[in-house]
Amino acid sequence: MRMFPIAAAAALASAAVLTTAGSASASPDTSCMQSGISTLRSAGLLGAVAKNGVDLTYAVESLGVTVRPGADISGVPDPVPFSLLLADHRAGDSSLFVYPWC
């Protein structure tokens, strides 16, 4: 398993969260995050993803996740750490990925 520097993952997570903080009316999309957690739980993957992250290929091919048009994911670690995955879900329309359950 490839490891990604924690500082870089934290920076990516911060960027995803900060994109939602751009306006006073923006609030974290916690319903999307909860739906993602439920999806992982239903697939029996929550514990493994929380511990090891999620493989991008698996997310796209098996879970139906797509890259948001115009998003640059070149700096996203693979596997995606759980904390970054949750932050991206909370980013709503500013997320890097489009999740079919949101």
PDB file of N, CA and C in Angstrom:
ATOM      1  N   MET A   1       0.842  -1.166   0.000  1.00  0.00           N
ATOM      2  CA  MET A   1       0.000   0.000   0.000  1.00  0.00           C
ATOM      3  C   MET A   1       0.891   1.234   0.000  1.00  0.00           C
ATOM      4  N   ARG A   2       0.614   2.176  -0.886  1.00  0.00           N
ATOM      5  CA  ARG A   2       1.380   3.410  -0.932  1.00  0.00           C
ATOM      6  C   ARG A   2       0.915   4.324   0.181  1.00  0.00           C
ATOM      7  N   MET A   3       1.856   4.999   0.814  1.00  0.00           N
ATOM      8  CA  MET A   3       1.524   5.938   1.870  1.00  0.00           C
ATOM      9  C   MET A   3       1.691   7.348   1.341  1.00  0.00           C
ATOM     10  N   PHE A   4       0.869   8.245   1.740  1.00  0.00           N
ATOM     11  CA  PHE A   4       0.910   9.635   1.321  1.00  0.00           C
ATOM     12  C   PHE A   4       1.254  10.465   2.535  1.00  0.00           C
ATOM     13  N   PRO A   5       2.152  11.447   2.392  1.00  0.00           N
ATOM     14  CA  PRO A   5       2.503  12.247   3.565  1.00  0.00           C
ATOM     15  C   PRO A   5       1.266  12.837   4.238  1.00  0.00           C
ATOM     16  N   ILE A   6       1.228  12.731   5.544  1.00  0.00           N
ATOM     17  CA  ILE A   6       0.070  13.215   6.311  1.00  0.00           C
ATOM     18  C   ILE A   6      -0.154  14.697   6.081  1.00  0.00           C
ATOM     19  N   ALA A   7       0.909  15.477   5.997  1.00  0.00           N
ATOM     20  CA  ALA A   7       0.763  16.920   5.807  1.00  0.00           C
ATOM     21  C   ALA A   7       0.073  17.222   4.481  1.00  0.00           C
ATOM     22  N   ALA A   8       0.424  16.495   3.433  1.00  0.00           N
ATOM     23  CA  ALA A   8      -0.196  16.734   2.127  1.00  0.00           C
ATOM     24  C   ALA A   8      -1.663  16.329   2.151  1.00  0.00           C
ATOM     25  N   ALA A   9      -1.985  15.220   2.795  1.00  0.00           N
ATOM     26  CA  ALA A   9      -3.388  14.796   2.906  1.00  0.00           C
ATOM     27  C   ALA A   9      -4.180  15.814   3.703  1.00  0.00           C
ATOM     28  N   ALA A  10      -3.586  16.330   4.758  1.00  0.00           N
ATOM     29  CA  ALA A  10      -4.269  17.342   5.566  1.00  0.00           C
ATOM     30  C   ALA A  10      -4.503  18.606   4.760  1.00  0.00           C
ATOM     31  N   ALA A  11      -3.532  18.980   3.936  1.00  0.00           N
ATOM     32  CA  ALA A  11      -3.692  20.167   3.096  1.00  0.00           C
ATOM     33  C   ALA A  11      -4.822  19.975   2.100  1.00  0.00           C
ATOM     34  N   LEU A  12      -4.913  18.787   1.496  1.00  0.00           N
ATOM     35  CA  LEU A  12      -6.001  18.513   0.559  1.00  0.00           C
ATOM     36  C   LEU A  12      -7.346  18.542   1.265  1.00  0.00           C
ATOM     37  N   ALA A  13      -7.414  17.963   2.450  1.00  0.00           N
ATOM     38  CA  ALA A  13      -8.659  17.981   3.201  1.00  0.00           C
ATOM     39  C   ALA A  13      -9.036  19.405   3.575  1.00  0.00           C
ATOM     40  N   SER A  14      -8.055  20.192   3.977  1.00  0.00           N
ATOM     41  CA  SER A  14      -8.323  21.587   4.327  1.00  0.00           C
ATOM     42  C   SER A  14      -8.832  22.354   3.122  1.00  0.00           C
ATOM     43  N   ALA A  15      -8.248  22.106   1.958  1.00  0.00           N
ATOM     44  CA  ALA A  15      -8.692  22.796   0.748  1.00  0.00           C
ATOM     45  C   ALA A  15     -10.137  22.447   0.424  1.00  0.00           C
ATOM     46  N   ALA A  16     -10.496  21.190   0.584  1.00  0.00           N
ATOM     47  CA  ALA A  16     -11.875  20.779   0.314  1.00  0.00           C
ATOM     48  C   ALA A  16     -12.841  21.439   1.282  1.00  0.00           C
ATOM     49  N   VAL A  17     -12.449  21.531   2.541  1.00  0.00           N
ATOM     50  CA  VAL A  17     -13.311  22.158   3.540  1.00  0.00           C
ATOM     51  C   VAL A  17     -13.381  23.655   3.313  1.00  0.00           C
ATOM     52  N   LEU A  18     -12.261  24.284   2.980  1.00  0.00           N
ATOM     53  CA  LEU A  18     -12.238  25.730   2.793  1.00  0.00           C
ATOM     54  C   LEU A  18     -13.074  26.174   1.601  1.00  0.00           C
ATOM     55  N   THR A  19     -13.219  25.318   0.598  1.00  0.00           N
ATOM     56  CA  THR A  19     -14.031  25.720  -0.552  1.00  0.00           C
ATOM     57  C   THR A  19     -15.477  25.934  -0.158  1.00  0.00           C
ATOM     58  N   THR A  20     -15.938  25.249   0.868  1.00  0.00           N
ATOM     59  CA  THR A  20     -17.315  25.451   1.324  1.00  0.00           C
ATOM     60  C   THR A  20     -17.424  26.646   2.247  1.00  0.00           C
ATOM     61  N   ALA A  21     -16.294  27.132   2.748  1.00  0.00           N
ATOM     62  CA  ALA A  21     -16.316  28.257   3.682  1.00  0.00           C
ATOM     63  C   ALA A  21     -16.221  29.595   2.963  1.00  0.00           C
ATOM     64  N   GLY A  22     -16.264  29.587   1.646  1.00  0.00           N
ATOM     65  CA  GLY A  22     -16.103  30.795   0.868  1.00  0.00           C
ATOM     66  C   GLY A  22     -17.210  31.809   1.063  1.00  0.00           C
ATOM     67  N   SER A  23     -18.387  31.381   1.411  1.00  0.00           N
ATOM     68  CA  SER A  23     -19.475  32.321   1.644  1.00  0.00           C
ATOM     69  C   SER A  23     -20.101  32.029   2.991  1.00  0.00           C
ATOM     70  N   ALA A  24     -20.698  33.052   3.544  1.00  0.00           N
ATOM     71  CA  ALA A  24     -21.303  32.897   4.871  1.00  0.00           C
ATOM     72  C   ALA A  24     -22.447  31.894   4.849  1.00  0.00           C
ATOM     73  N   SER A  25     -23.087  31.715   3.694  1.00  0.00           N
ATOM     74  CA  SER A  25     -24.228  30.815   3.621  1.00  0.00           C
ATOM     75  C   SER A  25     -23.828  29.357   3.386  1.00  0.00           C
ATOM     76  N   ALA A  26     -22.565  29.131   3.031  1.00  0.00           N
ATOM     77  CA  ALA A  26     -22.115  27.766   2.770  1.00  0.00           C
ATOM     78  C   ALA A  26     -22.017  26.999   4.083  1.00  0.00           C
ATOM     79  N   SER A  27     -22.515  25.778   4.079  1.00  0.00           N
ATOM     80  CA  SER A  27     -22.386  24.932   5.252  1.00  0.00           C
ATOM     81  C   SER A  27     -21.978  23.544   4.795  1.00  0.00           C
ATOM     82  N   PRO A  28     -21.277  22.811   5.638  1.00  0.00           N
ATOM     83  CA  PRO A  28     -20.837  21.477   5.260  1.00  0.00           C
ATOM     84  C   PRO A  28     -22.021  20.583   4.886  1.00  0.00           C
ATOM     85  N   ASP A  29     -21.813  19.772   3.866  1.00  0.00           N
ATOM     86  CA  ASP A  29     -22.860  18.860   3.406  1.00  0.00           C
ATOM     87  C   ASP A  29     -22.787  17.576   4.228  1.00  0.00           C
ATOM     88  N   THR A  30     -23.269  17.669   5.453  1.00  0.00           N
ATOM     89  CA  THR A  30     -23.190  16.508   6.330  1.00  0.00           C
ATOM     90  C   THR A  30     -24.139  15.390   5.910  1.00  0.00           C
ATOM     91  N   SER A  31     -25.226  15.720   5.203  1.00  0.00           N
ATOM     92  CA  SER A  31     -26.125  14.656   4.749  1.00  0.00           C
ATOM     93  C   SER A  31     -25.431  13.793   3.696  1.00  0.00           C
ATOM     94  N   CYS A  32     -24.620  14.414   2.839  1.00  0.00           N
ATOM     95  CA  CYS A  32     -23.860  13.645   1.853  1.00  0.00           C
ATOM     96  C   CYS A  32     -22.848  12.747   2.565  1.00  0.00           C
ATOM     97  N   MET A  33     -22.173  13.313   3.565  1.00  0.00           N
ATOM     98  CA  MET A  33     -21.196  12.539   4.316  1.00  0.00           C
ATOM     99  C   MET A  33     -21.868  11.345   5.006  1.00  0.00           C
ATOM    100  N   GLN A  34     -23.023  11.561   5.627  1.00  0.00           N
ATOM    101  CA  GLN A  34     -23.741  10.471   6.291  1.00  0.00           C
ATOM    102  C   GLN A  34     -24.183   9.406   5.291  1.00  0.00           C
ATOM    103  N   SER A  35     -24.597   9.838   4.101  1.00  0.00           N
ATOM    104  CA  SER A  35     -24.981   8.874   3.060  1.00  0.00           C
ATOM    105  C   SER A  35     -23.786   8.046   2.619  1.00  0.00           C
ATOM    106  N   GLY A  36     -22.624   8.684   2.511  1.00  0.00           N
ATOM    107  CA  GLY A  36     -21.411   7.955   2.152  1.00  0.00           C
ATOM    108  C   GLY A  36     -21.037   6.927   3.203  1.00  0.00           C
ATOM    109  N   ILE A  37     -21.139   7.312   4.468  1.00  0.00           N
ATOM    110  CA  ILE A  37     -20.856   6.380   5.557  1.00  0.00           C
ATOM    111  C   ILE A  37     -21.832   5.206   5.507  1.00  0.00           C
ATOM    112  N   SER A  38     -23.100   5.493   5.262  1.00  0.00           N
ATOM    113  CA  SER A  38     -24.109   4.422   5.163  1.00  0.00           C
ATOM    114  C   SER A  38     -23.821   3.498   3.991  1.00  0.00           C
ATOM    115  N   THR A  39     -23.373   4.072   2.871  1.00  0.00           N
ATOM    116  CA  THR A  39     -23.039   3.260   1.700  1.00  0.00           C
ATOM    117  C   THR A  39     -21.896   2.314   2.026  1.00  0.00           C
ATOM    118  N   LEU A  40     -20.856   2.833   2.676  1.00  0.00           N
ATOM    119  CA  LEU A  40     -19.730   1.981   3.056  1.00  0.00           C
ATOM    120  C   LEU A  40     -20.155   0.921   4.058  1.00  0.00           C
ATOM    121  N   ARG A  41     -20.979   1.305   5.002  1.00  0.00           N
ATOM    122  CA  ARG A  41     -21.468   0.353   6.014  1.00  0.00           C
ATOM    123  C   ARG A  41     -22.261  -0.763   5.330  1.00  0.00           C
ATOM    124  N   SER A  42     -23.164  -0.396   4.419  1.00  0.00           N
ATOM    125  CA  SER A  42     -23.993  -1.395   3.713  1.00  0.00           C
ATOM    126  C   SER A  42     -23.145  -2.361   2.890  1.00  0.00           C
ATOM    127  N   ALA A  43     -22.037  -1.860   2.361  1.00  0.00           N
ATOM    128  CA  ALA A  43     -21.153  -2.704   1.557  1.00  0.00           C
ATOM    129  C   ALA A  43     -20.173  -3.491   2.426  1.00  0.00           C
ATOM    130  N   GLY A  44     -20.254  -3.295   3.750  1.00  0.00           N
ATOM    131  CA  GLY A  44     -19.346  -3.989   4.654  1.00  0.00           C
ATOM    132  C   GLY A  44     -17.922  -3.460   4.592  1.00  0.00           C
ATOM    133  N   LEU A  45     -17.749  -2.205   4.166  1.00  0.00           N
ATOM    134  CA  LEU A  45     -16.419  -1.648   3.956  1.00  0.00           C
ATOM    135  C   LEU A  45     -16.031  -0.545   4.931  1.00  0.00           C
ATOM    136  N   LEU A  46     -16.932  -0.132   5.807  1.00  0.00           N
ATOM    137  CA  LEU A  46     -16.669   1.032   6.644  1.00  0.00           C
ATOM    138  C   LEU A  46     -15.390   0.880   7.470  1.00  0.00           C
ATOM    139  N   GLY A  47     -15.225  -0.235   8.145  1.00  0.00           N
ATOM    140  CA  GLY A  47     -14.035  -0.443   8.976  1.00  0.00           C
ATOM    141  C   GLY A  47     -12.750  -0.429   8.170  1.00  0.00           C
ATOM    142  N   ALA A  48     -12.750  -1.115   7.031  1.00  0.00           N
ATOM    143  CA  ALA A  48     -11.546  -1.184   6.197  1.00  0.00           C
ATOM    144  C   ALA A  48     -11.193   0.182   5.626  1.00  0.00           C
ATOM    145  N   VAL A  49     -12.203   0.925   5.163  1.00  0.00           N
ATOM    146  CA  VAL A  49     -11.948   2.247   4.591  1.00  0.00           C
ATOM    147  C   VAL A  49     -11.508   3.215   5.686  1.00  0.00           C
ATOM    148  N   ALA A  50     -12.111   3.133   6.858  1.00  0.00           N
ATOM    149  CA  ALA A  50     -11.714   4.007   7.960  1.00  0.00           C
ATOM    150  C   ALA A  50     -10.253   3.760   8.338  1.00  0.00           C
ATOM    151  N   LYS A  51      -9.818   2.524   8.249  1.00  0.00           N
ATOM    152  CA  LYS A  51      -8.447   2.173   8.622  1.00  0.00           C
ATOM    153  C   LYS A  51      -7.447   2.405   7.494  1.00  0.00           C
ATOM    154  N   ASN A  52      -7.815   2.044   6.261  1.00  0.00           N
ATOM    155  CA  ASN A  52      -6.856   2.023   5.156  1.00  0.00           C
ATOM    156  C   ASN A  52      -7.166   2.976   4.000  1.00  0.00           C
ATOM    157  N   GLY A  53      -8.292   3.677   4.055  1.00  0.00           N
ATOM    158  CA  GLY A  53      -8.670   4.524   2.926  1.00  0.00           C
ATOM    159  C   GLY A  53      -9.385   3.712   1.861  1.00  0.00           C
ATOM    160  N   VAL A  54      -9.739   4.387   0.780  1.00  0.00           N
ATOM    161  CA  VAL A  54     -10.433   3.704  -0.315  1.00  0.00           C
ATOM    162  C   VAL A  54      -9.635   3.873  -1.606  1.00  0.00           C
ATOM    163  N   ASP A  55      -9.494   2.797  -2.328  1.00  0.00           N
ATOM    164  CA  ASP A  55      -8.800   2.781  -3.607  1.00  0.00           C
ATOM    165  C   ASP A  55      -9.638   3.525  -4.650  1.00  0.00           C
ATOM    166  N   LEU A  56      -9.030   4.453  -5.365  1.00  0.00           N
ATOM    167  CA  LEU A  56      -9.767   5.241  -6.359  1.00  0.00           C
ATOM    168  C   LEU A  56     -10.404   4.372  -7.440  1.00  0.00           C
ATOM    169  N   THR A  57      -9.684   3.388  -7.919  1.00  0.00           N
ATOM    170  CA  THR A  57     -10.236   2.519  -8.961  1.00  0.00           C
ATOM    171  C   THR A  57     -11.481   1.801  -8.458  1.00  0.00           C
ATOM    172  N   TYR A  58     -11.431   1.298  -7.239  1.00  0.00           N
ATOM    173  CA  TYR A  58     -12.591   0.626  -6.661  1.00  0.00           C
ATOM    174  C   TYR A  58     -13.765   1.594  -6.528  1.00  0.00           C
ATOM    175  N   ALA A  59     -13.488   2.806  -6.055  1.00  0.00           N
ATOM    176  CA  ALA A  59     -14.555   3.795  -5.873  1.00  0.00           C
ATOM    177  C   ALA A  59     -15.250   4.102  -7.191  1.00  0.00           C
ATOM    178  N   VAL A  60     -14.473   4.198  -8.257  1.00  0.00           N
ATOM    179  CA  VAL A  60     -15.045   4.518  -9.569  1.00  0.00           C
ATOM    180  C   VAL A  60     -15.749   3.304 -10.174  1.00  0.00           C
ATOM    181  N   GLU A  61     -15.082   2.168 -10.190  1.00  0.00           N
ATOM    182  CA  GLU A  61     -15.623   1.001 -10.878  1.00  0.00           C
ATOM    183  C   GLU A  61     -16.720   0.278 -10.101  1.00  0.00           C
ATOM    184  N   SER A  62     -16.630   0.255  -8.784  1.00  0.00           N
ATOM    185  CA  SER A  62     -17.591  -0.517  -8.002  1.00  0.00           C
ATOM    186  C   SER A  62     -18.640   0.317  -7.284  1.00  0.00           C
ATOM    187  N   LEU A  63     -18.292   1.550  -6.938  1.00  0.00           N
ATOM    188  CA  LEU A  63     -19.224   2.378  -6.172  1.00  0.00           C
ATOM    189  C   LEU A  63     -19.862   3.487  -7.008  1.00  0.00           C
ATOM    190  N   GLY A  64     -19.412   3.678  -8.248  1.00  0.00           N
ATOM    191  CA  GLY A  64     -20.031   4.664  -9.128  1.00  0.00           C
ATOM    192  C   GLY A  64     -19.609   6.101  -8.906  1.00  0.00           C
ATOM    193  N   VAL A  65     -18.505   6.315  -8.182  1.00  0.00           N
ATOM    194  CA  VAL A  65     -17.995   7.664  -7.956  1.00  0.00           C
ATOM    195  C   VAL A  65     -17.370   8.174  -9.253  1.00  0.00           C
ATOM    196  N   THR A  66     -17.552   9.459  -9.559  1.00  0.00           N
ATOM    197  CA  THR A  66     -16.929  10.058 -10.737  1.00  0.00           C
ATOM    198  C   THR A  66     -16.175  11.322 -10.329  1.00  0.00           C
ATOM    199  N   VAL A  67     -15.217  11.695 -11.154  1.00  0.00           N
ATOM    200  CA  VAL A  67     -14.485  12.936 -10.920  1.00  0.00           C
ATOM    201  C   VAL A  67     -15.379  14.084 -11.368  1.00  0.00           C
ATOM    202  N   ARG A  68     -15.500  15.097 -10.512  1.00  0.00           N
ATOM    203  CA  ARG A  68     -16.318  16.273 -10.851  1.00  0.00           C
ATOM    204  C   ARG A  68     -15.688  16.951 -12.056  1.00  0.00           C
ATOM    205  N   PRO A  69     -16.490  17.310 -13.077  1.00  0.00           N
ATOM    206  CA  PRO A  69     -15.950  17.994 -14.255  1.00  0.00           C
ATOM    207  C   PRO A  69     -15.119  19.213 -13.854  1.00  0.00           C
ATOM    208  N   GLY A  70     -13.911  19.275 -14.394  1.00  0.00           N
ATOM    209  CA  GLY A  70     -13.008  20.386 -14.124  1.00  0.00           C
ATOM    210  C   GLY A  70     -12.142  20.209 -12.892  1.00  0.00           C
ATOM    211  N   ALA A  71     -12.378  19.163 -12.107  1.00  0.00           N
ATOM    212  CA  ALA A  71     -11.587  18.949 -10.884  1.00  0.00           C
ATOM    213  C   ALA A  71     -10.215  18.391 -11.234  1.00  0.00           C
ATOM    214  N   ASP A  72      -9.206  18.863 -10.542  1.00  0.00           N
ATOM    215  CA  ASP A  72      -7.846  18.357 -10.695  1.00  0.00           C
ATOM    216  C   ASP A  72      -7.567  17.415  -9.531  1.00  0.00           C
ATOM    217  N   ILE A  73      -7.506  16.135  -9.819  1.00  0.00           N
ATOM    218  CA  ILE A  73      -7.270  15.157  -8.752  1.00  0.00           C
ATOM    219  C   ILE A  73      -5.840  14.634  -8.771  1.00  0.00           C
ATOM    220  N   SER A  74      -4.955  15.328  -9.479  1.00  0.00           N
ATOM    221  CA  SER A  74      -3.575  14.848  -9.600  1.00  0.00           C
ATOM    222  C   SER A  74      -2.870  14.750  -8.250  1.00  0.00           C
ATOM    223  N   GLY A  75      -3.273  15.534  -7.261  1.00  0.00           N
ATOM    224  CA  GLY A  75      -2.642  15.484  -5.950  1.00  0.00           C
ATOM    225  C   GLY A  75      -3.366  14.628  -4.938  1.00  0.00           C
ATOM    226  N   VAL A  76      -4.429  13.958  -5.368  1.00  0.00           N
ATOM    227  CA  VAL A  76      -5.205  13.136  -4.437  1.00  0.00           C
ATOM    228  C   VAL A  76      -4.484  11.806  -4.240  1.00  0.00           C
ATOM    229  N   PRO A  77      -4.243  11.431  -2.986  1.00  0.00           N
ATOM    230  CA  PRO A  77      -3.561  10.165  -2.731  1.00  0.00           C
ATOM    231  C   PRO A  77      -4.448   8.979  -3.071  1.00  0.00           C
ATOM    232  N   ASP A  78      -3.808   7.873  -3.434  1.00  0.00           N
ATOM    233  CA  ASP A  78      -4.527   6.640  -3.727  1.00  0.00           C
ATOM    234  C   ASP A  78      -3.853   5.527  -2.940  1.00  0.00           C
ATOM    235  N   PRO A  79      -4.484   4.989  -1.931  1.00  0.00           N
ATOM    236  CA  PRO A  79      -5.877   5.138  -1.544  1.00  0.00           C
ATOM    237  C   PRO A  79      -6.144   6.490  -0.876  1.00  0.00           C
ATOM    238  N   VAL A  80      -7.406   6.918  -0.974  1.00  0.00           N
ATOM    239  CA  VAL A  80      -7.837   8.175  -0.372  1.00  0.00           C
ATOM    240  C   VAL A  80      -8.069   7.940   1.120  1.00  0.00           C
ATOM    241  N   PRO A  81      -7.364   8.676   1.993  1.00  0.00           N
ATOM    242  CA  PRO A  81      -7.580   8.508   3.433  1.00  0.00           C
ATOM    243  C   PRO A  81      -9.019   8.845   3.820  1.00  0.00           C
ATOM    244  N   PHE A  82      -9.518   8.162   4.839  1.00  0.00           N
ATOM    245  CA  PHE A  82     -10.899   8.341   5.287  1.00  0.00           C
ATOM    246  C   PHE A  82     -11.190   9.796   5.634  1.00  0.00           C
ATOM    247  N   SER A  83     -10.266  10.475   6.300  1.00  0.00           N
ATOM    248  CA  SER A  83     -10.494  11.875   6.682  1.00  0.00           C
ATOM    249  C   SER A  83     -10.673  12.766   5.454  1.00  0.00           C
ATOM    250  N   LEU A  84      -9.901  12.516   4.408  1.00  0.00           N
ATOM    251  CA  LEU A  84     -10.032  13.287   3.174  1.00  0.00           C
ATOM    252  C   LEU A  84     -11.340  12.940   2.461  1.00  0.00           C
ATOM    253  N   LEU A  85     -11.701  11.675   2.489  1.00  0.00           N
ATOM    254  CA  LEU A  85     -12.955  11.229   1.889  1.00  0.00           C
ATOM    255  C   LEU A  85     -14.144  11.926   2.549  1.00  0.00           C
ATOM    256  N   LEU A  86     -14.137  11.981   3.877  1.00  0.00           N
ATOM    257  CA  LEU A  86     -15.220  12.655   4.595  1.00  0.00           C
ATOM    258  C   LEU A  86     -15.242  14.150   4.292  1.00  0.00           C
ATOM    259  N   ALA A  87     -14.065  14.778   4.257  1.00  0.00           N
ATOM    260  CA  ALA A  87     -13.988  16.213   3.958  1.00  0.00           C
ATOM    261  C   ALA A  87     -14.519  16.499   2.562  1.00  0.00           C
ATOM    262  N   ASP A  88     -14.213  15.632   1.604  1.00  0.00           N
ATOM    263  CA  ASP A  88     -14.691  15.854   0.243  1.00  0.00           C
ATOM    264  C   ASP A  88     -16.207  15.718   0.175  1.00  0.00           C
ATOM    265  N   HIS A  89     -16.763  14.774   0.908  1.00  0.00           N
ATOM    266  CA  HIS A  89     -18.225  14.644   0.964  1.00  0.00           C
ATOM    267  C   HIS A  89     -18.859  15.916   1.536  1.00  0.00           C
ATOM    268  N   ARG A  90     -18.256  16.467   2.572  1.00  0.00           N
ATOM    269  CA  ARG A  90     -18.804  17.687   3.196  1.00  0.00           C
ATOM    270  C   ARG A  90     -18.670  18.911   2.302  1.00  0.00           C
ATOM    271  N   ALA A  91     -17.812  18.858   1.288  1.00  0.00           N
ATOM    272  CA  ALA A  91     -17.567  20.009   0.415  1.00  0.00           C
ATOM    273  C   ALA A  91     -18.724  20.286  -0.541  1.00  0.00           C
ATOM    274  N   GLY A  92     -19.703  19.395  -0.603  1.00  0.00           N
ATOM    275  CA  GLY A  92     -20.883  19.630  -1.448  1.00  0.00           C
ATOM    276  C   GLY A  92     -20.525  19.817  -2.914  1.00  0.00           C
ATOM    277  N   ASP A  93     -21.037  20.879  -3.517  1.00  0.00           N
ATOM    278  CA  ASP A  93     -20.798  21.139  -4.938  1.00  0.00           C
ATOM    279  C   ASP A  93     -19.359  21.536  -5.249  1.00  0.00           C
ATOM    280  N   SER A  94     -18.551  21.741  -4.228  1.00  0.00           N
ATOM    281  CA  SER A  94     -17.137  22.067  -4.418  1.00  0.00           C
ATOM    282  C   SER A  94     -16.247  20.838  -4.256  1.00  0.00           C
ATOM    283  N   SER A  95     -16.844  19.673  -4.106  1.00  0.00           N
ATOM    284  CA  SER A  95     -16.062  18.454  -3.919  1.00  0.00           C
ATOM    285  C   SER A  95     -15.305  18.096  -5.190  1.00  0.00           C
ATOM    286  N   LEU A  96     -14.280  17.285  -5.023  1.00  0.00           N
ATOM    287  CA  LEU A  96     -13.498  16.803  -6.177  1.00  0.00           C
ATOM    288  C   LEU A  96     -14.231  15.694  -6.908  1.00  0.00           C
ATOM    289  N   PHE A  97     -15.075  14.980  -6.199  1.00  0.00           N
ATOM    290  CA  PHE A  97     -15.778  13.834  -6.765  1.00  0.00           C
ATOM    291  C   PHE A  97     -17.278  14.013  -6.667  1.00  0.00           C
ATOM    292  N   VAL A  98     -17.979  13.335  -7.551  1.00  0.00           N
ATOM    293  CA  VAL A  98     -19.455  13.301  -7.510  1.00  0.00           C
ATOM    294  C   VAL A  98     -19.827  11.913  -7.002  1.00  0.00           C
ATOM    295  N   TYR A  99     -20.603  11.904  -5.947  1.00  0.00           N
ATOM    296  CA  TYR A  99     -20.997  10.660  -5.293  1.00  0.00           C
ATOM    297  C   TYR A  99     -22.455  10.363  -5.643  1.00  0.00           C
ATOM    298  N   PRO A 100     -22.743   9.167  -6.165  1.00  0.00           N
ATOM    299  CA  PRO A 100     -24.108   8.871  -6.610  1.00  0.00           C
ATOM    300  C   PRO A 100     -25.137   8.866  -5.479  1.00  0.00           C
ATOM    301  N   TRP A 101     -24.719   8.744  -4.241  1.00  0.00           N
ATOM    302  CA  TRP A 101     -25.651   8.713  -3.121  1.00  0.00           C
ATOM    303  C   TRP A 101     -25.943  10.098  -2.552  1.00  0.00           C
ATOM    304  N   CYS A 102     -25.326  11.119  -3.106  1.00  0.00           N
ATOM    305  CA  CYS A 102     -25.532  12.487  -2.592  1.00  0.00           C
ATOM    306  C   CYS A 102     -26.486  13.294  -3.473  1.00  0.00           C
TER     307      CYS A 102
END
